[in-house]
Amino acid sequence: MRILVVASAFNSLTQRIHAELRARDHHVGVELALGDEPLRAGVAAFRPDVILAPMLTTAISKDIWSAYPVLIVHPGPKGDRGPSSLDWAIHDGEREWGVTVLQAVEELDAGPVWASVPFTVAPCGKSELYRTEVADAAVRAVLLALDRFACGFEPEPLDYRRPDVWGRLRPYHDQHHRRIDWAADDTAAVLRKLRAADSQPGVLDELYGCEFYLHGGHGEDRLRGAPGTVIARRDGAICLATVDGAVWVPQLRPRRKAGGPPTFKLPATDALGSRLPASIPEISVTPKAAAFRNTWSELRYREDGAVGHLEFRFPGGAMSTRQCRSLLSAYRQACARPIDVLVLGPARDTFSNGIHLNVIEAAEDPAAESLLNINAMNDLVEAILTTTDKLVISALAGNAAAGGVMLALAADEVWCRAAVVLNPHYRLMGLHGSEYWTYLLPRRVGATEAERLTRAALPVGAGSAAALGLVDRVVPGNAEIFWDSTRREAARLAGSTELAQRLVAKKQRRALDEMTKPLDAYRAEELARMHRNFFAPGEPYHELRRGFVRKVAPTKTPPHLHG
């Protein structure tokens, strides 16, 4: 089928659906919803059999949905309507929710139903839920709806008298509903409010006389203090006391001033800056201790026999200079342990998206910070590449992009949940890229395919990545199934007779590759190009980064998405 994907942004869900449809040999184009006239022109040029809208913040005009079947993906069960579906589900503590594909009609979210798929609401932030359970259910619902469309299925009218139609129309979930009453709300209520607002719009609150939006919420098992006060800091996050415990908030965003530029999220301690009193203690926790506590930590480490598991959790998958160095230190500590296999990756959600563009944007000298950040990423990738006495596994339960893909490829094997989407390219940010990609990508897929992937700049689903040789193992199912399988297979490898031979072969190959062309040469060549991207006049990187961080809407659909 000719399927035109219409979305307000080419976000994670849109990319996932784009990759899934292309893997099934549909002819897929993308048109961003940037106004009625550009959309009309895009539809007329593509001539779709069906229009699919995975993520919309504006309605599609009547003349389009009257002329073409338009299927809307709504993150709610049958009958749910309104712009804040997931916010309400998390805020109200719903345990079961759903994704519904319905046909566009005059009244928003009230069209006939093509498909609806339920899912269990995990205890996490909205953005993580969206990229995992919601995305999985959305793909199933979209594929079912398209199969039904191809077979001439008649969608069922929305009828609130039916027992399976239990959703309802809900208002916009504004700050009135999100406000935290620190003197009354218990920790569970505070976490629900924080998680319902993550990653947008955040919960508006006041800290040290200034208004900030709070982003992210994580429990704390030991610290206590006066409700609403900052009682500790760690890994860039701040800990706020509640009436019966405490919560960690990793990121803050200053409230935008009238007429001022858009603000953006930063690590909480960076956003507060000098406002944060020096008396607020830095209460650290080791990765090993964090693995067995209910507390905020970017790093966790545990061992299962001869297998080490190093878990990292960076909000949004962005890795600042500090975070790269922290992960490198933890990696080296893990490598010093008496283990044979080391598994790297978060328990859920994004693996890594590379350098931290928000922290770079906020730096006094963004070009200099960019160079520091990319070198810190390079140091981390190099450490993994040069580990020859252990088998290193990158385990991707969630997506990866740019330098995050190269970080994964530095390992001996890459294992992915089937839902993972990879973006192995840099050019959309105006960058040549580093992290040894000119070595890592061709050794996986060959020089020709590496050139195509980086120039096409399109998302690659896990199945397609496996067919290309970009990843080694794809596991269907949710994150729990993926990690059960990963633990079993890692334990099998650690106890296998082949391990010693593999490690010998690994060391020999690394030595041969180093003789052919040293890693230092790849790094120097890449950094020479990156230095121009960062410092030379007329380079597009700084403008593209600024637009991305400050969420400046594009003026047209990028040509590479047209299909």
Protein backbone atom coordinates (compact mmCIF):
# COMPACT_ATOMS: atom_id res chain seq x y z
CA MET A 1 0.00 0.00 0.00
CA ARG A 2 0.94 3.61 -0.43
CA ILE A 3 0.80 4.94 3.12
CA LEU A 4 1.38 8.58 3.95
CA VAL A 5 2.37 9.11 7.56
CA VAL A 6 1.23 12.52 8.78
CA ALA A 7 2.61 13.71 12.11
CA SER A 8 3.31 16.91 14.01
CA ALA A 9 6.87 15.65 14.56
CA PHE A 10 8.97 12.71 13.41
CA ASN A 11 9.13 11.49 17.00
CA SER A 12 9.95 8.07 18.44
CA LEU A 13 6.52 6.56 17.77
CA THR A 14 6.36 7.96 14.24
CA GLN A 15 9.82 6.56 13.54
CA ARG A 16 8.87 3.17 14.96
CA ILE A 17 5.76 2.95 12.78
CA HIS A 18 7.70 4.21 9.75
CA ALA A 19 10.30 1.45 10.25
CA GLU A 20 7.65 -1.24 10.82
CA LEU A 21 5.74 -0.31 7.66
CA ARG A 22 8.84 -0.14 5.49
CA ALA A 23 9.93 -3.56 6.80
CA ARG A 24 6.61 -4.90 5.48
CA ASP A 25 7.31 -3.47 2.00
CA HIS A 26 4.73 -0.71 2.09
CA HIS A 27 5.54 2.44 0.13
CA VAL A 28 5.78 4.94 2.98
CA GLY A 29 6.08 8.71 2.86
CA VAL A 30 6.07 11.23 5.69
CA GLU A 31 4.51 14.67 5.73
CA LEU A 32 4.78 16.90 8.78
CA ALA A 33 1.56 18.64 9.80
CA LEU A 34 2.81 22.20 9.30
CA GLY A 35 -0.40 23.79 8.07
CA ASP A 36 -3.30 22.97 5.78
CA GLU A 37 -1.77 24.16 2.50
CA PRO A 38 1.57 22.33 2.81
CA LEU A 39 -0.29 19.20 3.91
CA ARG A 40 -2.68 19.39 0.97
CA ALA A 41 0.28 19.70 -1.38
CA GLY A 42 2.05 16.76 0.25
CA VAL A 43 -1.03 14.55 0.04
CA ALA A 44 -1.60 15.47 -3.61
CA ALA A 45 2.03 14.73 -4.48
CA PHE A 46 2.13 11.35 -2.71
CA ARG A 47 -1.37 10.10 -3.70
CA PRO A 48 -1.78 7.70 -0.76
CA ASP A 49 -4.13 4.76 -0.43
CA VAL A 50 -4.46 5.66 3.24
CA ILE A 51 -3.18 8.39 5.56
CA LEU A 52 -1.91 7.34 8.98
CA ALA A 53 -1.48 9.88 11.80
CA PRO A 54 0.55 8.42 14.72
CA MET A 55 1.08 11.74 16.51
CA LEU A 56 -0.87 14.93 15.92
CA THR A 57 -1.24 18.14 17.91
CA THR A 58 -3.52 19.76 15.31
CA ALA A 59 -6.55 18.49 13.43
CA ILE A 60 -6.43 17.45 9.77
CA SER A 61 -8.71 19.57 7.61
CA LYS A 62 -12.05 18.20 6.46
CA ASP A 63 -11.24 18.32 2.75
CA ILE A 64 -8.38 15.87 3.32
CA TRP A 65 -10.18 13.33 5.51
CA SER A 66 -13.22 13.56 3.24
CA ALA A 67 -11.12 12.62 0.21
CA TYR A 68 -8.83 10.03 1.83
CA PRO A 69 -9.25 7.54 4.67
CA VAL A 70 -7.32 9.07 7.59
CA LEU A 71 -6.52 6.77 10.52
CA ILE A 72 -5.69 8.53 13.79
CA VAL A 73 -3.62 6.79 16.50
CA HIS A 74 -4.96 7.82 19.90
CA PRO A 75 -3.13 6.79 23.11
CA GLY A 76 -6.26 5.80 24.99
CA PRO A 77 -8.85 3.00 25.14
CA LYS A 78 -12.04 3.01 23.13
CA GLY A 79 -14.08 6.10 23.96
CA ASP A 80 -11.17 8.04 25.45
CA ARG A 81 -10.99 11.56 24.03
CA GLY A 82 -8.94 14.68 24.63
CA PRO A 83 -5.33 15.87 24.36
CA SER A 84 -4.02 14.51 27.69
CA SER A 85 -4.85 10.83 27.61
CA LEU A 86 -1.63 9.44 29.08
CA ASP A 87 -1.34 12.29 31.57
CA TRP A 88 -4.71 11.37 33.06
CA ALA A 89 -3.99 7.65 33.02
CA ILE A 90 -0.80 8.11 35.08
CA HIS A 91 -2.23 10.84 37.31
CA ASP A 92 -5.24 8.68 38.18
CA GLY A 93 -3.16 5.56 38.77
CA GLU A 94 -4.79 3.53 35.99
CA ARG A 95 -3.39 0.00 35.74
CA GLU A 96 -4.77 -0.82 32.30
CA TRP A 97 -4.97 1.52 29.34
CA GLY A 98 -4.97 1.17 25.56
CA VAL A 99 -4.23 2.54 22.11
CA THR A 100 -7.05 3.05 19.62
CA VAL A 101 -6.91 3.63 15.87
CA LEU A 102 -9.93 5.55 14.71
CA GLN A 103 -11.03 7.30 11.55
CA ALA A 104 -10.87 11.06 11.33
CA VAL A 105 -14.24 12.81 11.41
CA GLU A 106 -15.48 16.30 12.27
CA GLU A 107 -15.45 15.69 16.02
CA LEU A 108 -11.99 15.01 17.44
CA ASP A 109 -11.33 11.43 18.63
CA ALA A 110 -14.96 10.48 17.95
CA GLY A 111 -14.62 8.59 14.67
CA PRO A 112 -15.30 4.92 13.94
CA VAL A 113 -12.84 2.48 15.52
CA TRP A 114 -10.52 0.42 13.32
CA ALA A 115 -8.59 -1.29 16.10
CA SER A 116 -7.90 -1.03 19.82
CA VAL A 117 -5.12 -2.77 21.77
CA PRO A 118 -4.81 -2.76 25.60
CA PHE A 119 -1.61 -2.47 27.61
CA THR A 120 -0.57 -2.50 31.25
CA VAL A 121 0.56 0.86 32.63
CA ALA A 122 4.10 0.49 33.99
CA PRO A 123 5.13 2.60 37.02
CA CYS A 124 7.29 5.05 35.08
CA GLY A 125 7.30 8.47 33.48
CA LYS A 126 5.04 9.36 30.57
CA SER A 127 7.85 9.55 28.02
CA GLU A 128 9.18 6.12 28.99
CA LEU A 129 5.68 4.66 28.89
CA TYR A 130 5.12 6.27 25.49
CA ARG A 131 8.30 4.79 24.02
CA THR A 132 7.64 1.29 25.39
CA GLU A 133 4.15 0.01 26.27
CA VAL A 134 2.32 2.67 24.25
CA ALA A 135 4.55 2.22 21.20
CA ASP A 136 4.19 -1.58 21.32
CA ALA A 137 0.40 -1.36 21.54
CA ALA A 138 0.29 1.33 18.85
CA VAL A 139 2.21 -0.81 16.37
CA ARG A 140 -0.07 -3.77 16.98
CA ALA A 141 -3.16 -1.57 16.58
CA VAL A 142 -1.84 0.10 13.42
CA LEU A 143 -0.92 -3.19 11.75
CA LEU A 144 -4.32 -4.66 12.65
CA ALA A 145 -6.11 -1.57 11.34
CA LEU A 146 -4.18 -1.65 8.05
CA ASP A 147 -4.87 -5.37 7.59
CA ARG A 148 -8.55 -4.67 8.14
CA PHE A 149 -8.45 -1.71 5.75
CA ALA A 150 -6.91 -3.91 3.04
CA CYS A 151 -9.66 -6.49 3.55
CA GLY A 152 -12.55 -4.01 3.25
CA PHE A 153 -13.38 -4.08 6.96
CA GLU A 154 -16.04 -1.62 8.13
CA PRO A 155 -14.91 0.23 11.27
CA GLU A 156 -17.28 0.17 14.21
CA PRO A 157 -19.00 3.44 15.17
CA LEU A 158 -18.06 4.79 18.58
CA ASP A 159 -20.89 3.69 20.87
CA TYR A 160 -20.68 4.40 24.59
CA ARG A 161 -23.41 1.83 25.26
CA ARG A 162 -20.99 -0.98 24.41
CA PRO A 163 -19.27 -2.59 27.44
CA ASP A 164 -15.82 -2.40 25.81
CA VAL A 165 -16.13 1.37 25.33
CA TRP A 166 -15.10 2.60 28.76
CA GLY A 167 -13.06 5.71 27.96
CA ARG A 168 -14.48 9.23 28.20
CA LEU A 169 -13.84 12.79 27.15
CA ARG A 170 -11.32 14.46 29.46
CA PRO A 171 -10.13 18.07 29.57
CA TYR A 172 -6.60 19.29 29.01
CA HIS A 173 -4.43 18.31 31.97
CA ASP A 174 -3.20 21.78 32.94
CA GLN A 175 -1.02 22.95 35.82
CA HIS A 176 -4.06 23.26 38.08
CA HIS A 177 -4.31 19.46 38.05
CA ARG A 178 -0.55 18.96 38.22
CA ARG A 179 0.21 21.21 41.18
CA ILE A 180 1.93 19.44 44.07
CA ASP A 181 0.73 20.22 47.59
CA TRP A 182 3.93 19.40 49.44
CA ALA A 183 2.18 19.68 52.81
CA ALA A 184 -0.52 17.15 51.92
CA ASP A 185 0.43 14.94 48.95
CA ASP A 186 2.13 11.70 49.92
CA THR A 187 5.08 10.31 47.95
CA ALA A 188 2.89 8.13 45.73
CA ALA A 189 0.75 11.14 44.72
CA VAL A 190 3.82 13.30 44.09
CA LEU A 191 5.37 10.61 41.89
CA ARG A 192 2.16 10.23 39.88
CA LYS A 193 2.04 13.98 39.23
CA LEU A 194 5.71 14.16 38.27
CA ARG A 195 5.53 11.12 36.03
CA ALA A 196 2.34 12.32 34.31
CA ALA A 197 4.14 15.52 33.29
CA ASP A 198 7.33 13.91 32.01
CA SER A 199 8.80 14.90 29.60
CA GLN A 200 6.33 17.67 28.81
CA PRO A 201 5.10 20.01 30.16
CA GLY A 202 6.66 19.32 33.59
CA VAL A 203 5.18 20.29 36.96
CA LEU A 204 5.40 24.01 37.71
CA ASP A 205 6.83 24.73 41.16
CA GLU A 206 8.98 27.28 42.97
CA LEU A 207 12.54 26.68 44.14
CA TYR A 208 14.60 29.34 45.89
CA GLY A 209 12.30 32.11 44.72
CA CYS A 210 12.24 31.13 41.03
CA GLU A 211 9.68 29.16 39.04
CA PHE A 212 10.77 25.93 37.40
CA TYR A 213 9.08 23.02 35.69
CA LEU A 214 10.04 19.76 37.40
CA HIS A 215 10.78 16.87 35.02
CA GLY A 216 11.00 13.22 36.06
CA GLY A 217 10.22 11.57 39.36
CA HIS A 218 11.95 8.73 41.20
CA GLY A 219 11.52 7.31 44.67
CA GLU A 220 13.98 7.52 47.57
CA ASP A 221 14.14 4.91 50.33
CA ARG A 222 16.16 6.61 53.08
CA LEU A 223 16.37 10.40 52.99
CA ARG A 224 13.81 12.50 54.85
CA GLY A 225 13.27 16.20 55.52
CA ALA A 226 10.85 19.12 55.61
CA PRO A 227 8.22 18.62 52.85
CA GLY A 228 8.93 20.59 49.70
CA THR A 229 12.57 21.34 50.53
CA VAL A 230 15.68 20.22 48.69
CA ILE A 231 17.55 17.83 50.96
CA ALA A 232 20.24 16.32 48.72
CA ARG A 233 21.82 16.23 45.29
CA ARG A 234 23.22 13.38 43.18
CA ASP A 235 24.17 12.83 39.54
CA GLY A 236 22.77 16.26 38.65
CA ALA A 237 19.41 15.49 40.29
CA ILE A 238 17.89 17.04 43.41
CA CYS A 239 16.02 15.24 46.18
CA LEU A 240 12.83 16.87 47.50
CA ALA A 241 11.26 15.76 50.76
CA THR A 242 7.59 14.76 50.92
CA VAL A 243 5.27 14.29 53.89
CA ASP A 244 6.19 10.61 54.12
CA GLY A 245 9.47 10.25 52.23
CA ALA A 246 11.29 11.91 49.35
CA VAL A 247 11.53 11.99 45.56
CA TRP A 248 14.37 12.65 43.13
CA VAL A 249 13.88 15.13 40.27
CA PRO A 250 16.60 14.76 37.61
CA GLN A 251 15.77 17.77 35.41
CA LEU A 252 14.38 21.30 35.67
CA ARG A 253 13.26 23.83 33.09
CA PRO A 254 13.00 27.53 33.99
CA ARG A 255 9.62 29.10 33.36
CA ARG A 256 9.76 31.17 30.20
CA LYS A 257 9.73 34.89 30.74
CA ALA A 258 7.29 37.05 28.80
CA GLY A 259 8.91 37.86 25.47
CA GLY A 260 11.93 35.72 26.33
CA PRO A 261 13.40 32.81 24.37
CA PRO A 262 12.07 29.28 24.87
CA THR A 263 13.60 27.50 27.84
CA PHE A 264 14.75 23.89 27.91
CA LYS A 265 15.45 21.06 30.33
CA LEU A 266 18.77 20.75 32.10
CA PRO A 267 20.12 18.59 34.90
CA ALA A 268 18.48 20.03 38.00
CA THR A 269 21.69 21.19 39.65
CA ASP A 270 22.78 22.90 36.41
CA ALA A 271 19.43 24.68 36.09
CA LEU A 272 19.58 25.92 39.68
CA GLY A 273 23.21 26.95 39.42
CA SER A 274 24.29 29.29 42.20
CA ARG A 275 20.75 29.32 43.62
CA LEU A 276 21.36 25.87 45.05
CA PRO A 277 22.93 26.40 48.49
CA ALA A 278 26.35 24.90 49.02
CA SER A 279 24.96 23.36 52.21
CA ILE A 280 22.84 20.89 50.19
CA PRO A 281 24.88 17.69 50.49
CA GLU A 282 26.04 15.55 47.59
CA ILE A 283 24.95 12.11 48.75
CA SER A 284 26.56 9.60 46.44
CA VAL A 285 25.72 5.96 45.96
CA THR A 286 27.90 3.36 44.29
CA PRO A 287 26.56 1.52 41.23
CA LYS A 288 26.71 -1.73 43.22
CA ALA A 289 24.74 -0.32 46.17
CA ALA A 290 22.21 1.41 43.87
CA ALA A 291 21.33 -1.91 42.25
CA PHE A 292 19.66 -3.02 45.47
CA ARG A 293 17.97 0.22 46.52
CA ASN A 294 14.94 2.29 45.59
CA THR A 295 16.80 5.51 44.88
CA TRP A 296 17.93 7.63 41.96
CA SER A 297 21.17 6.62 40.34
CA GLU A 298 22.36 6.97 36.76
CA LEU A 299 24.42 3.80 37.18
CA ARG A 300 23.73 0.37 38.64
CA TYR A 301 25.95 -2.72 38.68
CA ARG A 302 25.23 -6.31 39.67
CA GLU A 303 26.79 -9.68 39.07
CA ASP A 304 25.25 -13.03 38.31
CA GLY A 305 28.05 -15.56 38.52
CA ALA A 306 30.58 -14.76 35.81
CA VAL A 307 28.28 -12.16 34.20
CA GLY A 308 28.38 -8.48 35.12
CA HIS A 309 25.46 -6.16 34.32
CA LEU A 310 26.24 -2.44 34.09
CA GLU A 311 23.02 -0.49 33.80
CA PHE A 312 22.96 3.19 32.88
CA ARG A 313 19.97 5.50 32.88
CA PHE A 314 20.35 8.95 31.37
CA PRO A 315 17.17 11.06 30.91
CA GLY A 316 16.24 11.11 27.24
CA GLY A 317 19.34 9.07 26.42
CA ALA A 318 21.57 12.17 26.21
CA MET A 319 25.06 11.82 27.68
CA SER A 320 26.94 14.90 28.89
CA THR A 321 30.69 15.09 29.41
CA ARG A 322 30.18 14.32 33.11
CA GLN A 323 27.88 11.38 32.40
CA CYS A 324 30.29 9.87 29.86
CA ARG A 325 33.12 10.09 32.35
CA SER A 326 30.99 8.56 35.12
CA LEU A 327 30.00 5.66 32.88
CA LEU A 328 33.62 5.18 31.80
CA SER A 329 34.74 5.00 35.44
CA ALA A 330 32.00 2.45 36.23
CA TYR A 331 32.93 0.47 33.12
CA ARG A 332 36.56 0.26 34.17
CA GLN A 333 35.55 -0.84 37.66
CA ALA A 334 33.35 -3.56 36.17
CA CYS A 335 36.20 -4.71 33.92
CA ALA A 336 38.41 -5.08 36.99
CA ARG A 337 35.96 -7.61 38.44
CA PRO A 338 36.46 -11.40 38.00
CA ILE A 339 33.78 -11.75 35.32
CA ASP A 340 33.88 -13.19 31.80
CA VAL A 341 30.87 -11.45 30.20
CA LEU A 342 29.81 -7.82 30.70
CA VAL A 343 26.34 -6.70 29.64
CA LEU A 344 25.73 -2.97 29.06
CA GLY A 345 22.41 -1.16 28.84
CA PRO A 346 19.40 0.32 30.63
CA ALA A 347 16.63 -1.86 32.02
CA ARG A 348 14.11 -0.06 29.82
CA ASP A 349 13.78 2.82 27.42
CA THR A 350 16.50 4.62 25.44
CA PHE A 351 19.98 3.11 25.26
CA SER A 352 21.76 6.30 24.23
CA ASN A 353 21.33 9.22 21.83
CA GLY A 354 24.92 10.43 22.05
CA ILE A 355 26.14 13.83 23.20
CA HIS A 356 23.97 16.05 25.44
CA LEU A 357 22.78 18.88 23.19
CA ASN A 358 20.88 20.67 25.99
CA VAL A 359 23.93 20.87 28.26
CA ILE A 360 25.98 22.03 25.28
CA GLU A 361 23.41 24.72 24.43
CA ALA A 362 23.56 26.04 28.00
CA ALA A 363 27.37 26.12 28.11
CA GLU A 364 29.25 29.40 28.11
CA ASP A 365 31.13 28.17 25.01
CA PRO A 366 28.95 25.59 23.20
CA ALA A 367 31.65 24.78 20.64
CA ALA A 368 34.22 24.03 23.33
CA GLU A 369 31.71 21.97 25.33
CA SER A 370 30.78 20.06 22.16
CA LEU A 371 34.41 19.08 21.72
CA LEU A 372 34.76 18.04 25.36
CA ASN A 373 31.57 15.96 25.13
CA ILE A 374 32.54 14.18 21.94
CA ASN A 375 35.98 13.37 23.34
CA ALA A 376 34.38 11.95 26.48
CA MET A 377 32.14 9.76 24.29
CA ASN A 378 35.19 8.69 22.29
CA ASP A 379 37.07 7.73 25.47
CA LEU A 380 34.15 5.53 26.50
CA VAL A 381 33.83 3.85 23.11
CA GLU A 382 37.58 3.29 22.94
CA ALA A 383 37.58 1.61 26.35
CA ILE A 384 34.92 -0.85 25.18
CA LEU A 385 36.67 -1.47 21.87
CA THR A 386 39.97 -2.25 23.56
CA THR A 387 38.58 -4.63 26.18
CA THR A 388 39.97 -7.97 25.02
CA ASP A 389 39.73 -10.15 28.14
CA LYS A 390 35.92 -10.12 28.39
CA LEU A 391 33.00 -10.61 26.05
CA VAL A 392 31.04 -7.33 26.02
CA ILE A 393 27.34 -7.31 25.11
CA SER A 394 25.28 -4.21 24.32
CA ALA A 395 21.69 -4.97 25.35
CA LEU A 396 19.20 -2.56 23.83
CA ALA A 397 15.75 -2.68 25.39
CA GLY A 398 15.12 0.76 23.82
CA ASN A 399 16.17 2.97 20.96
CA ALA A 400 19.57 4.40 20.10
CA ALA A 401 20.70 7.20 17.81
CA ALA A 402 23.85 8.85 16.47
CA GLY A 403 26.76 8.30 18.88
CA GLY A 404 24.53 6.06 20.97
CA VAL A 405 24.39 3.56 18.11
CA MET A 406 28.17 3.63 17.83
CA LEU A 407 28.47 3.14 21.58
CA ALA A 408 26.40 -0.03 21.19
CA LEU A 409 28.44 -1.21 18.20
CA ALA A 410 31.66 -0.95 20.19
CA ALA A 411 30.66 -4.15 22.01
CA ASP A 412 31.32 -7.65 20.68
CA GLU A 413 27.64 -8.35 20.21
CA VAL A 414 24.51 -6.19 20.00
CA TRP A 415 21.25 -7.66 21.25
CA CYS A 416 18.00 -5.79 20.67
CA ARG A 417 14.42 -5.97 21.71
CA ALA A 418 12.40 -6.36 18.50
CA ALA A 419 10.78 -2.97 19.09
CA VAL A 420 14.09 -1.06 18.97
CA VAL A 421 14.68 1.65 16.37
CA LEU A 422 18.21 2.71 15.46
CA ASN A 423 19.26 5.97 13.83
CA PRO A 424 22.90 5.35 12.81
CA HIS A 425 23.60 8.80 11.39
CA TYR A 426 24.62 12.35 12.34
CA ARG A 427 24.01 14.57 9.33
CA LEU A 428 20.61 15.92 10.39
CA MET A 429 22.46 17.77 13.18
CA GLY A 430 25.05 19.05 10.73
CA LEU A 431 27.77 16.78 12.08
CA HIS A 432 30.26 14.42 10.50
CA GLY A 433 30.17 12.29 13.64
CA SER A 434 32.82 10.59 15.72
CA GLU A 435 32.79 7.73 18.29
CA TYR A 436 34.91 5.71 15.82
CA TRP A 437 31.91 5.30 13.52
CA THR A 438 34.13 5.24 10.43
CA TYR A 439 35.61 2.03 11.87
CA LEU A 440 32.58 0.53 13.62
CA LEU A 441 29.88 0.92 10.99
CA PRO A 442 31.80 -0.41 7.94
CA ARG A 443 33.13 -3.40 9.89
CA ARG A 444 29.51 -4.32 10.63
CA VAL A 445 27.73 -3.62 7.33
CA GLY A 446 30.45 -2.82 4.80
CA ALA A 447 31.53 0.53 3.38
CA THR A 448 28.71 0.83 0.83
CA GLU A 449 25.93 0.15 3.29
CA ALA A 450 27.55 2.42 5.90
CA GLU A 451 27.53 5.24 3.35
CA ARG A 452 23.87 4.60 2.52
CA LEU A 453 22.76 4.49 6.15
CA THR A 454 24.48 7.73 7.06
CA ARG A 455 23.23 9.58 3.99
CA ALA A 456 19.66 8.26 4.02
CA ALA A 457 19.31 9.33 7.67
CA LEU A 458 16.22 7.16 8.17
CA PRO A 459 15.28 5.01 11.17
CA VAL A 460 16.13 1.32 11.01
CA GLY A 461 14.02 -1.24 12.85
CA ALA A 462 15.65 -4.08 14.78
CA GLY A 463 14.68 -6.72 12.24
CA SER A 464 16.11 -4.75 9.34
CA ALA A 465 19.22 -3.99 11.41
CA ALA A 466 19.74 -7.72 11.98
CA ALA A 467 19.36 -8.43 8.27
CA LEU A 468 22.06 -5.83 7.57
CA GLY A 469 24.39 -7.28 10.19
CA LEU A 470 24.09 -4.16 12.35
CA VAL A 471 22.83 -6.21 15.31
CA ASP A 472 23.34 -9.86 16.25
CA ARG A 473 20.25 -10.93 18.13
CA VAL A 474 16.63 -9.75 18.13
CA VAL A 475 14.25 -10.76 20.92
CA PRO A 476 10.48 -10.30 20.53
CA GLY A 477 8.32 -9.28 23.48
CA ASN A 478 8.42 -6.65 26.19
CA ALA A 479 11.41 -5.43 28.22
CA GLU A 480 10.94 -8.12 30.89
CA ILE A 481 11.00 -10.90 28.28
CA PHE A 482 14.03 -9.29 26.64
CA TRP A 483 16.01 -9.17 29.88
CA ASP A 484 15.04 -12.71 30.90
CA SER A 485 16.37 -13.90 27.55
CA THR A 486 19.47 -11.69 27.81
CA ARG A 487 20.38 -12.99 31.26
CA ARG A 488 19.97 -16.61 30.18
CA GLU A 489 22.04 -16.20 27.02
CA ALA A 490 24.77 -14.20 28.79
CA ALA A 491 25.03 -16.92 31.45
CA ARG A 492 25.23 -19.58 28.74
CA LEU A 493 28.05 -17.71 27.00
CA ALA A 494 29.93 -17.24 30.27
CA GLY A 495 29.79 -20.96 30.95
CA SER A 496 30.44 -22.13 27.40
CA THR A 497 33.54 -23.92 26.15
CA GLU A 498 33.67 -21.52 23.18
CA LEU A 499 34.27 -18.42 25.35
CA ALA A 500 38.04 -18.82 25.63
CA GLN A 501 38.36 -19.30 21.87
CA ARG A 502 36.20 -16.26 21.23
CA LEU A 503 38.34 -14.10 23.47
CA VAL A 504 41.52 -15.25 21.72
CA ALA A 505 39.95 -14.51 18.33
CA LYS A 506 38.77 -11.12 19.59
CA LYS A 507 42.28 -10.16 20.73
CA GLN A 508 43.77 -11.32 17.43
CA ARG A 509 41.27 -9.36 15.36
CA ARG A 510 41.81 -6.21 17.40
CA ALA A 511 45.57 -6.53 16.91
CA LEU A 512 45.16 -7.08 13.16
CA ASP A 513 42.79 -4.14 12.81
CA GLU A 514 45.20 -1.95 14.78
CA MET A 515 48.05 -2.89 12.43
CA THR A 516 45.89 -2.14 9.39
CA LYS A 517 44.79 1.26 10.72
CA PRO A 518 45.19 2.38 14.34
CA LEU A 519 42.16 3.53 16.31
CA ASP A 520 43.99 6.81 16.91
CA ALA A 521 43.94 7.46 13.17
CA TYR A 522 40.18 7.00 12.93
CA ARG A 523 39.72 9.28 15.92
CA ALA A 524 42.01 11.99 14.56
CA GLU A 525 40.30 12.00 11.16
CA GLU A 526 36.83 12.16 12.68
CA LEU A 527 37.74 14.88 15.16
CA ALA A 528 39.31 17.01 12.44
CA ARG A 529 35.93 17.04 10.68
CA MET A 530 34.07 17.57 13.93
CA HIS A 531 36.36 20.46 14.88
CA ARG A 532 35.27 22.21 11.67
CA ASN A 533 31.62 21.46 12.47
CA PHE A 534 32.05 23.00 15.92
CA PHE A 535 34.32 25.99 15.20
CA ALA A 536 34.34 26.92 11.50
CA PRO A 537 32.16 29.85 10.31
CA GLY A 538 29.06 28.95 8.33
CA GLU A 539 28.70 25.42 9.70
CA PRO A 540 25.00 24.53 10.31
CA TYR A 541 25.52 22.59 13.56
CA HIS A 542 24.98 25.42 16.02
CA GLU A 543 21.76 26.62 14.39
CA LEU A 544 20.43 23.08 14.04
CA ARG A 545 21.29 22.28 17.66
CA ARG A 546 19.65 25.49 18.89
CA GLY A 547 16.48 24.74 16.95
CA PHE A 548 16.37 21.17 18.24
CA VAL A 549 16.96 22.11 21.89
CA ARG A 550 14.53 25.02 21.87
CA LYS A 551 11.95 23.03 19.88
CA VAL A 552 11.74 25.41 16.93
CA ALA A 553 9.17 24.00 14.52
CA PRO A 554 10.47 23.22 11.01
CA THR A 555 9.08 25.25 8.14
CA LYS A 556 8.80 22.29 5.78
CA THR A 557 9.02 18.52 5.73
CA PRO A 558 12.64 17.40 5.23
CA PRO A 559 13.01 15.96 1.70
CA HIS A 560 14.53 12.68 2.92
CA LEU A 561 11.21 11.78 4.58
CA HIS A 562 9.03 12.05 1.48
CA GLY A 563 9.52 8.44 0.45
